[in-house]
Amino acid sequence: MSLEKIFVDGHGWCEVWSLPKVSPKKQREGKYIGESFVHPAKMDVVLCHKIIETYTEPGETVLDPMAGIDTTGVEAAYMGRNSIAVELEEKFVKITEQNIGLLERAQTLTPKGKAVVVKGDSRELSRILGEKADKVIFSPPYRERYAYKNPEERQKDDPTASKRNRIHKPYSQDPNNIGNLKYGKPVDAIVTSPPFKTSERGAGIARRWRTGEVKPEDIACKGY
């Protein structure tokens, strides 16, 4: 896919995906070991499938530099892509190795790609990787969501948070985890494409899109 298709006249290529809602357990049934669910920010498998299907081709190599339990890499391999997972946390590397083991033993009707996992810091990709990737797909660790120490702090920041989700354990104790890095140096730049002009829950914007309340011009897709 060319950059011209993604960015036209300074504006992003806009598309809203309406995806089926499938429980996390059902999404990973038979393809991931049970310990995978200890990860606090697992990528949605349905969304991952759509991204891989839309932006990659069979035979390409997909890189996830912050792999976690490697949802991106495992799903890419099931879809005939090769994948490289880079993960900082040893516990998640071990889980990923077992998930890849399930992948390799799985019987499928279509050819699978090859998946590998490398333990390392994604800031040193040029050093730890021995090959190039065609596409990069990742879901980075959250910082603020897992930084709250008490319900009052969480509620003050997000009044809509449910009681069940108001307190979270720290995402990681590793000072090199991106969620624990201090703002500023050594970060040179942040590249982001905010999807909406105003903050709104995904389900709400999707529903209003389907009913015609939201028009393409209401969605900001500028690339920065």
C-alpha atoms as a PDB file:
ATOM      1  CA  MET A   1       0.000   0.000   0.000  1.00  0.00           C
ATOM      2  CA  SER A   2       1.450   3.366  -1.019  1.00  0.00           C
ATOM      3  CA  LEU A   3       1.760   6.391   1.224  1.00  0.00           C
ATOM      4  CA  GLU A   4      -0.328   8.284  -1.322  1.00  0.00           C
ATOM      5  CA  LYS A   5      -3.291   6.092  -0.415  1.00  0.00           C
ATOM      6  CA  ILE A   6      -2.809   6.624   3.300  1.00  0.00           C
ATOM      7  CA  PHE A   7      -2.052  10.335   3.233  1.00  0.00           C
ATOM      8  CA  VAL A   8      -3.786  12.447   0.604  1.00  0.00           C
ATOM      9  CA  ASP A   9      -3.272  16.236   0.555  1.00  0.00           C
ATOM     10  CA  GLY A  10      -2.049  16.166   4.125  1.00  0.00           C
ATOM     11  CA  HIS A  11      -5.076  14.271   5.382  1.00  0.00           C
ATOM     12  CA  GLY A  12      -5.151  10.667   6.402  1.00  0.00           C
ATOM     13  CA  TRP A  13      -6.967   7.941   4.525  1.00  0.00           C
ATOM     14  CA  CYS A  14     -10.149   7.512   6.575  1.00  0.00           C
ATOM     15  CA  GLU A  15     -11.992   4.288   7.223  1.00  0.00           C
ATOM     16  CA  VAL A  16     -14.084   3.163  10.180  1.00  0.00           C
ATOM     17  CA  TRP A  17     -14.193  -0.568  10.849  1.00  0.00           C
ATOM     18  CA  SER A  18     -17.242  -2.131  12.420  1.00  0.00           C
ATOM     19  CA  LEU A  19     -15.939  -5.361  13.953  1.00  0.00           C
ATOM     20  CA  PRO A  20     -17.820  -8.189  15.678  1.00  0.00           C
ATOM     21  CA  LYS A  21     -17.559  -8.313  19.447  1.00  0.00           C
ATOM     22  CA  VAL A  22     -15.948 -11.570  20.565  1.00  0.00           C
ATOM     23  CA  SER A  23     -14.901 -12.333  24.142  1.00  0.00           C
ATOM     24  CA  PRO A  24     -11.125 -12.389  24.788  1.00  0.00           C
ATOM     25  CA  LYS A  25     -11.350 -16.038  25.858  1.00  0.00           C
ATOM     26  CA  LYS A  26     -13.156 -17.065  22.680  1.00  0.00           C
ATOM     27  CA  GLN A  27     -10.697 -15.102  20.534  1.00  0.00           C
ATOM     28  CA  ARG A  28      -7.737 -17.099  21.842  1.00  0.00           C
ATOM     29  CA  GLU A  29      -9.339 -20.478  22.423  1.00  0.00           C
ATOM     30  CA  GLY A  30      -7.039 -23.298  21.319  1.00  0.00           C
ATOM     31  CA  LYS A  31      -4.345 -20.953  20.004  1.00  0.00           C
ATOM     32  CA  TYR A  32      -2.893 -19.480  23.200  1.00  0.00           C
ATOM     33  CA  ILE A  33      -1.927 -21.046  26.509  1.00  0.00           C
ATOM     34  CA  GLY A  34      -3.983 -20.118  29.569  1.00  0.00           C
ATOM     35  CA  GLU A  35      -1.165 -18.079  31.096  1.00  0.00           C
ATOM     36  CA  SER A  36      -1.546 -15.620  28.208  1.00  0.00           C
ATOM     37  CA  PHE A  37      -4.439 -14.013  30.045  1.00  0.00           C
ATOM     38  CA  VAL A  38      -2.147 -12.649  32.763  1.00  0.00           C
ATOM     39  CA  HIS A  39      -1.047  -9.969  30.305  1.00  0.00           C
ATOM     40  CA  PRO A  40      -2.881  -6.746  31.236  1.00  0.00           C
ATOM     41  CA  ALA A  41      -3.200  -5.299  27.720  1.00  0.00           C
ATOM     42  CA  LYS A  42      -3.789  -8.070  25.207  1.00  0.00           C
ATOM     43  CA  MET A  43      -4.387  -6.895  21.650  1.00  0.00           C
ATOM     44  CA  ASP A  44      -7.884  -7.586  20.327  1.00  0.00           C
ATOM     45  CA  VAL A  45      -7.597 -10.575  17.978  1.00  0.00           C
ATOM     46  CA  VAL A  46     -10.453  -9.478  15.707  1.00  0.00           C
ATOM     47  CA  LEU A  47      -8.902  -6.039  15.238  1.00  0.00           C
ATOM     48  CA  CYS A  48      -5.481  -7.610  14.746  1.00  0.00           C
ATOM     49  CA  HIS A  49      -6.858  -9.830  11.981  1.00  0.00           C
ATOM     50  CA  LYS A  50      -8.351  -6.825  10.212  1.00  0.00           C
ATOM     51  CA  ILE A  51      -5.119  -4.840  10.380  1.00  0.00           C
ATOM     52  CA  ILE A  52      -3.055  -7.756   9.066  1.00  0.00           C
ATOM     53  CA  GLU A  53      -5.551  -8.506   6.308  1.00  0.00           C
ATOM     54  CA  THR A  54      -5.741  -4.854   5.224  1.00  0.00           C
ATOM     55  CA  TYR A  55      -2.123  -3.779   5.352  1.00  0.00           C
ATOM     56  CA  THR A  56      -0.045  -6.919   4.713  1.00  0.00           C
ATOM     57  CA  GLU A  57       0.287  -9.637   2.104  1.00  0.00           C
ATOM     58  CA  PRO A  58       0.926 -13.393   2.498  1.00  0.00           C
ATOM     59  CA  GLY A  59       4.652 -14.096   2.625  1.00  0.00           C
ATOM     60  CA  GLU A  60       5.559 -10.708   4.074  1.00  0.00           C
ATOM     61  CA  THR A  61       7.333 -10.370   7.403  1.00  0.00           C
ATOM     62  CA  VAL A  62       5.495  -8.549  10.187  1.00  0.00           C
ATOM     63  CA  LEU A  63       7.392  -7.091  13.149  1.00  0.00           C
ATOM     64  CA  ASP A  64       5.928  -6.385  16.583  1.00  0.00           C
ATOM     65  CA  PRO A  65       8.586  -4.508  18.605  1.00  0.00           C
ATOM     66  CA  MET A  66       6.510  -4.589  21.821  1.00  0.00           C
ATOM     67  CA  ALA A  67       5.021  -8.031  21.450  1.00  0.00           C
ATOM     68  CA  GLY A  68       3.672  -8.969  24.873  1.00  0.00           C
ATOM     69  CA  ILE A  69       2.183 -12.449  24.371  1.00  0.00           C
ATOM     70  CA  ASP A  70       2.602 -11.948  20.596  1.00  0.00           C
ATOM     71  CA  THR A  71      -0.996 -11.742  19.424  1.00  0.00           C
ATOM     72  CA  THR A  72       0.175  -9.916  16.304  1.00  0.00           C
ATOM     73  CA  GLY A  73       2.869 -12.443  15.446  1.00  0.00           C
ATOM     74  CA  VAL A  74       0.801 -15.552  16.109  1.00  0.00           C
ATOM     75  CA  GLU A  75      -2.189 -14.295  14.150  1.00  0.00           C
ATOM     76  CA  ALA A  76       0.033 -13.120  11.297  1.00  0.00           C
ATOM     77  CA  ALA A  77       1.610 -16.574  11.063  1.00  0.00           C
ATOM     78  CA  TYR A  78      -1.801 -18.250  10.995  1.00  0.00           C
ATOM     79  CA  MET A  79      -2.627 -15.931   8.083  1.00  0.00           C
ATOM     80  CA  GLY A  80       0.441 -16.950   6.080  1.00  0.00           C
ATOM     81  CA  ARG A  81       2.753 -14.115   7.079  1.00  0.00           C
ATOM     82  CA  ASN A  82       6.108 -14.509   8.800  1.00  0.00           C
ATOM     83  CA  SER A  83       6.512 -12.680  12.086  1.00  0.00           C
ATOM     84  CA  ILE A  84       9.187 -11.395  14.434  1.00  0.00           C
ATOM     85  CA  ALA A  85       8.294 -10.587  18.030  1.00  0.00           C
ATOM     86  CA  VAL A  86      10.542  -8.478  20.241  1.00  0.00           C
ATOM     87  CA  GLU A  87       9.633  -8.436  23.937  1.00  0.00           C
ATOM     88  CA  LEU A  88      11.419  -6.957  26.942  1.00  0.00           C
ATOM     89  CA  GLU A  89       9.718  -8.933  29.730  1.00  0.00           C
ATOM     90  CA  GLU A  90      11.096 -12.448  30.283  1.00  0.00           C
ATOM     91  CA  LYS A  91       7.757 -13.811  31.532  1.00  0.00           C
ATOM     92  CA  PHE A  92       5.994 -12.773  28.345  1.00  0.00           C
ATOM     93  CA  VAL A  93       8.815 -14.115  26.171  1.00  0.00           C
ATOM     94  CA  LYS A  94       8.304 -17.541  27.759  1.00  0.00           C
ATOM     95  CA  ILE A  95       4.550 -17.367  27.202  1.00  0.00           C
ATOM     96  CA  THR A  96       5.118 -16.347  23.585  1.00  0.00           C
ATOM     97  CA  GLU A  97       7.455 -19.292  23.036  1.00  0.00           C
ATOM     98  CA  GLN A  98       4.679 -21.624  24.161  1.00  0.00           C
ATOM     99  CA  ASN A  99       2.104 -19.849  21.994  1.00  0.00           C
ATOM    100  CA  ILE A 100       4.411 -20.265  19.009  1.00  0.00           C
ATOM    101  CA  GLY A 101       4.731 -23.937  19.932  1.00  0.00           C
ATOM    102  CA  LEU A 102       0.946 -24.300  19.704  1.00  0.00           C
ATOM    103  CA  LEU A 103       1.055 -22.534  16.354  1.00  0.00           C
ATOM    104  CA  GLU A 104       3.704 -24.870  14.968  1.00  0.00           C
ATOM    105  CA  ARG A 105       1.754 -27.961  16.028  1.00  0.00           C
ATOM    106  CA  ALA A 106      -1.600 -26.708  14.757  1.00  0.00           C
ATOM    107  CA  GLN A 107      -3.132 -28.385  11.713  1.00  0.00           C
ATOM    108  CA  THR A 108      -4.405 -25.780   9.238  1.00  0.00           C
ATOM    109  CA  LEU A 109      -5.968 -25.849   5.780  1.00  0.00           C
ATOM    110  CA  THR A 110      -3.761 -23.025   4.509  1.00  0.00           C
ATOM    111  CA  PRO A 111       0.035 -22.601   4.761  1.00  0.00           C
ATOM    112  CA  LYS A 112       1.280 -20.961   7.940  1.00  0.00           C
ATOM    113  CA  GLY A 113       4.088 -18.477   8.233  1.00  0.00           C
ATOM    114  CA  LYS A 114       7.071 -18.770  10.556  1.00  0.00           C
ATOM    115  CA  ALA A 115       7.001 -16.980  13.919  1.00  0.00           C
ATOM    116  CA  VAL A 116      10.005 -16.184  16.104  1.00  0.00           C
ATOM    117  CA  VAL A 117      10.424 -14.266  19.363  1.00  0.00           C
ATOM    118  CA  VAL A 118      13.488 -12.340  20.509  1.00  0.00           C
ATOM    119  CA  LYS A 119      14.023 -11.021  24.030  1.00  0.00           C
ATOM    120  CA  GLY A 120      15.306  -7.486  23.877  1.00  0.00           C
ATOM    121  CA  ASP A 121      14.740  -3.741  24.046  1.00  0.00           C
ATOM    122  CA  SER A 122      12.903  -2.418  20.987  1.00  0.00           C
ATOM    123  CA  ARG A 123      15.047   0.719  21.127  1.00  0.00           C
ATOM    124  CA  GLU A 124      17.886  -1.474  19.871  1.00  0.00           C
ATOM    125  CA  LEU A 125      16.116  -3.132  16.955  1.00  0.00           C
ATOM    126  CA  SER A 126      18.932  -2.500  14.494  1.00  0.00           C
ATOM    127  CA  ARG A 127      21.291  -4.427  16.771  1.00  0.00           C
ATOM    128  CA  ILE A 128      19.111  -7.361  17.851  1.00  0.00           C
ATOM    129  CA  LEU A 129      17.407  -8.105  14.543  1.00  0.00           C
ATOM    130  CA  GLY A 130      19.200 -10.075  11.873  1.00  0.00           C
ATOM    131  CA  GLU A 131      16.655  -9.402   9.143  1.00  0.00           C
ATOM    132  CA  LYS A 132      14.303  -6.734   7.878  1.00  0.00           C
ATOM    133  CA  ALA A 133      10.531  -6.622   8.194  1.00  0.00           C
ATOM    134  CA  ASP A 134       7.999  -5.498   5.624  1.00  0.00           C
ATOM    135  CA  LYS A 135       5.460  -4.067   8.069  1.00  0.00           C
ATOM    136  CA  VAL A 136       5.383  -3.077  11.741  1.00  0.00           C
ATOM    137  CA  ILE A 137       2.206  -3.686  13.760  1.00  0.00           C
ATOM    138  CA  PHE A 138       2.131  -3.193  17.513  1.00  0.00           C
ATOM    139  CA  SER A 139       0.055  -2.154  20.490  1.00  0.00           C
ATOM    140  CA  PRO A 140       2.344  -0.358  22.960  1.00  0.00           C
ATOM    141  CA  PRO A 141       2.075  -0.720  26.745  1.00  0.00           C
ATOM    142  CA  TYR A 142      -0.142   1.777  28.536  1.00  0.00           C
ATOM    143  CA  ARG A 143       1.342   4.176  31.026  1.00  0.00           C
ATOM    144  CA  GLU A 144      -1.377   6.129  32.797  1.00  0.00           C
ATOM    145  CA  ARG A 145      -3.960   3.372  32.993  1.00  0.00           C
ATOM    146  CA  TYR A 146      -1.769   1.251  35.217  1.00  0.00           C
ATOM    147  CA  ALA A 147      -0.230   4.028  37.280  1.00  0.00           C
ATOM    148  CA  TYR A 148      -3.059   4.580  39.773  1.00  0.00           C
ATOM    149  CA  LYS A 149      -2.393   3.716  43.403  1.00  0.00           C
ATOM    150  CA  ASN A 150      -5.892   4.177  44.825  1.00  0.00           C
ATOM    151  CA  PRO A 151      -9.549   4.440  43.687  1.00  0.00           C
ATOM    152  CA  GLU A 152      -9.713   8.187  44.351  1.00  0.00           C
ATOM    153  CA  GLU A 153      -6.813   8.914  42.016  1.00  0.00           C
ATOM    154  CA  ARG A 154      -8.322   6.784  39.255  1.00  0.00           C
ATOM    155  CA  GLN A 155     -11.824   8.246  39.700  1.00  0.00           C
ATOM    156  CA  LYS A 156     -10.540  11.820  39.598  1.00  0.00           C
ATOM    157  CA  ASP A 157      -8.798  11.201  36.286  1.00  0.00           C
ATOM    158  CA  ASP A 158     -11.618   9.179  34.715  1.00  0.00           C
ATOM    159  CA  PRO A 159     -15.085   9.501  36.325  1.00  0.00           C
ATOM    160  CA  THR A 160     -16.490   6.932  33.866  1.00  0.00           C
ATOM    161  CA  ALA A 161     -14.201   4.158  35.107  1.00  0.00           C
ATOM    162  CA  SER A 162     -16.029   1.229  36.639  1.00  0.00           C
ATOM    163  CA  LYS A 163     -15.258   0.271  40.217  1.00  0.00           C
ATOM    164  CA  ARG A 164     -13.812  -3.011  38.991  1.00  0.00           C
ATOM    165  CA  ASN A 165     -11.267  -1.213  36.813  1.00  0.00           C
ATOM    166  CA  ARG A 166     -10.304   1.671  39.061  1.00  0.00           C
ATOM    167  CA  ILE A 167      -7.150   0.085  40.469  1.00  0.00           C
ATOM    168  CA  HIS A 168      -4.551  -1.659  38.370  1.00  0.00           C
ATOM    169  CA  LYS A 169      -1.292  -3.284  39.239  1.00  0.00           C
ATOM    170  CA  PRO A 170       1.778  -1.622  37.724  1.00  0.00           C
ATOM    171  CA  TYR A 171       2.217  -2.742  34.125  1.00  0.00           C
ATOM    172  CA  SER A 172       5.883  -3.506  34.625  1.00  0.00           C
ATOM    173  CA  GLN A 173       8.627  -2.944  37.179  1.00  0.00           C
ATOM    174  CA  ASP A 174      11.316  -2.817  34.498  1.00  0.00           C
ATOM    175  CA  PRO A 175      12.641   0.760  34.185  1.00  0.00           C
ATOM    176  CA  ASN A 176      13.302   0.139  30.484  1.00  0.00           C
ATOM    177  CA  ASN A 177       9.658  -0.643  29.745  1.00  0.00           C
ATOM    178  CA  ILE A 178       8.202   2.155  27.630  1.00  0.00           C
ATOM    179  CA  GLY A 179       5.414   2.611  30.158  1.00  0.00           C
ATOM    180  CA  ASN A 180       7.992   3.505  32.810  1.00  0.00           C
ATOM    181  CA  LEU A 181      10.209   5.802  30.750  1.00  0.00           C
ATOM    182  CA  LYS A 182      10.234   9.450  31.761  1.00  0.00           C
ATOM    183  CA  TYR A 183       8.857  12.053  29.409  1.00  0.00           C
ATOM    184  CA  GLY A 184      11.377  13.895  27.267  1.00  0.00           C
ATOM    185  CA  LYS A 185      14.807  12.521  26.478  1.00  0.00           C
ATOM    186  CA  PRO A 186      15.760  10.076  25.059  1.00  0.00           C
ATOM    187  CA  VAL A 187      12.545  10.400  23.018  1.00  0.00           C
ATOM    188  CA  ASP A 188      13.275  12.422  19.870  1.00  0.00           C
ATOM    189  CA  ALA A 189       9.744  12.539  18.491  1.00  0.00           C
ATOM    190  CA  ILE A 190       6.280  11.084  18.870  1.00  0.00           C
ATOM    191  CA  VAL A 191       4.420  10.044  15.719  1.00  0.00           C
ATOM    192  CA  THR A 192       0.690   9.584  16.109  1.00  0.00           C
ATOM    193  CA  SER A 193      -2.534   9.678  14.135  1.00  0.00           C
ATOM    194  CA  PRO A 194      -5.387  10.580  16.502  1.00  0.00           C
ATOM    195  CA  PRO A 195      -8.537   8.966  15.093  1.00  0.00           C
ATOM    196  CA  PHE A 196     -11.176  11.377  16.343  1.00  0.00           C
ATOM    197  CA  LYS A 197     -11.507  15.107  16.905  1.00  0.00           C
ATOM    198  CA  THR A 198     -13.068  14.531  20.296  1.00  0.00           C
ATOM    199  CA  SER A 199     -12.682  11.746  22.800  1.00  0.00           C
ATOM    200  CA  GLU A 200     -15.413   9.152  22.565  1.00  0.00           C
ATOM    201  CA  ARG A 201     -15.716   5.467  23.306  1.00  0.00           C
ATOM    202  CA  GLY A 202     -15.229   3.283  20.236  1.00  0.00           C
ATOM    203  CA  ALA A 203     -18.656   1.655  20.494  1.00  0.00           C
ATOM    204  CA  GLY A 204     -20.341   5.050  20.519  1.00  0.00           C
ATOM    205  CA  ILE A 205     -18.557   6.386  17.450  1.00  0.00           C
ATOM    206  CA  ALA A 206     -19.157   3.130  15.570  1.00  0.00           C
ATOM    207  CA  ARG A 207     -22.871   3.181  16.360  1.00  0.00           C
ATOM    208  CA  ARG A 208     -23.250   6.796  15.245  1.00  0.00           C
ATOM    209  CA  TRP A 209     -21.299   5.997  12.056  1.00  0.00           C
ATOM    210  CA  ARG A 210     -23.718   3.205  11.169  1.00  0.00           C
ATOM    211  CA  THR A 211     -26.761   5.409  11.761  1.00  0.00           C
ATOM    212  CA  GLY A 212     -25.353   8.241   9.682  1.00  0.00           C
ATOM    213  CA  GLU A 213     -24.904  10.666  12.581  1.00  0.00           C
ATOM    214  CA  VAL A 214     -21.161  10.783  11.978  1.00  0.00           C
ATOM    215  CA  LYS A 215     -19.870  11.792   8.551  1.00  0.00           C
ATOM    216  CA  PRO A 216     -16.367  11.304   7.106  1.00  0.00           C
ATOM    217  CA  GLU A 217     -15.675  15.012   7.538  1.00  0.00           C
ATOM    218  CA  ASP A 218     -16.290  14.656  11.286  1.00  0.00           C
ATOM    219  CA  ILE A 219     -13.325  12.328  11.667  1.00  0.00           C
ATOM    220  CA  ALA A 220      -9.800  13.694  11.912  1.00  0.00           C
ATOM    221  CA  CYS A 221      -7.296  11.434  10.162  1.00  0.00           C
ATOM    222  CA  LYS A 222      -4.310  13.717   9.852  1.00  0.00           C
ATOM    223  CA  GLY A 223      -0.916  12.082  10.031  1.00  0.00           C
ATOM    224  CA  TYR A 224       1.689  13.739  12.237  1.00  0.00           C
END
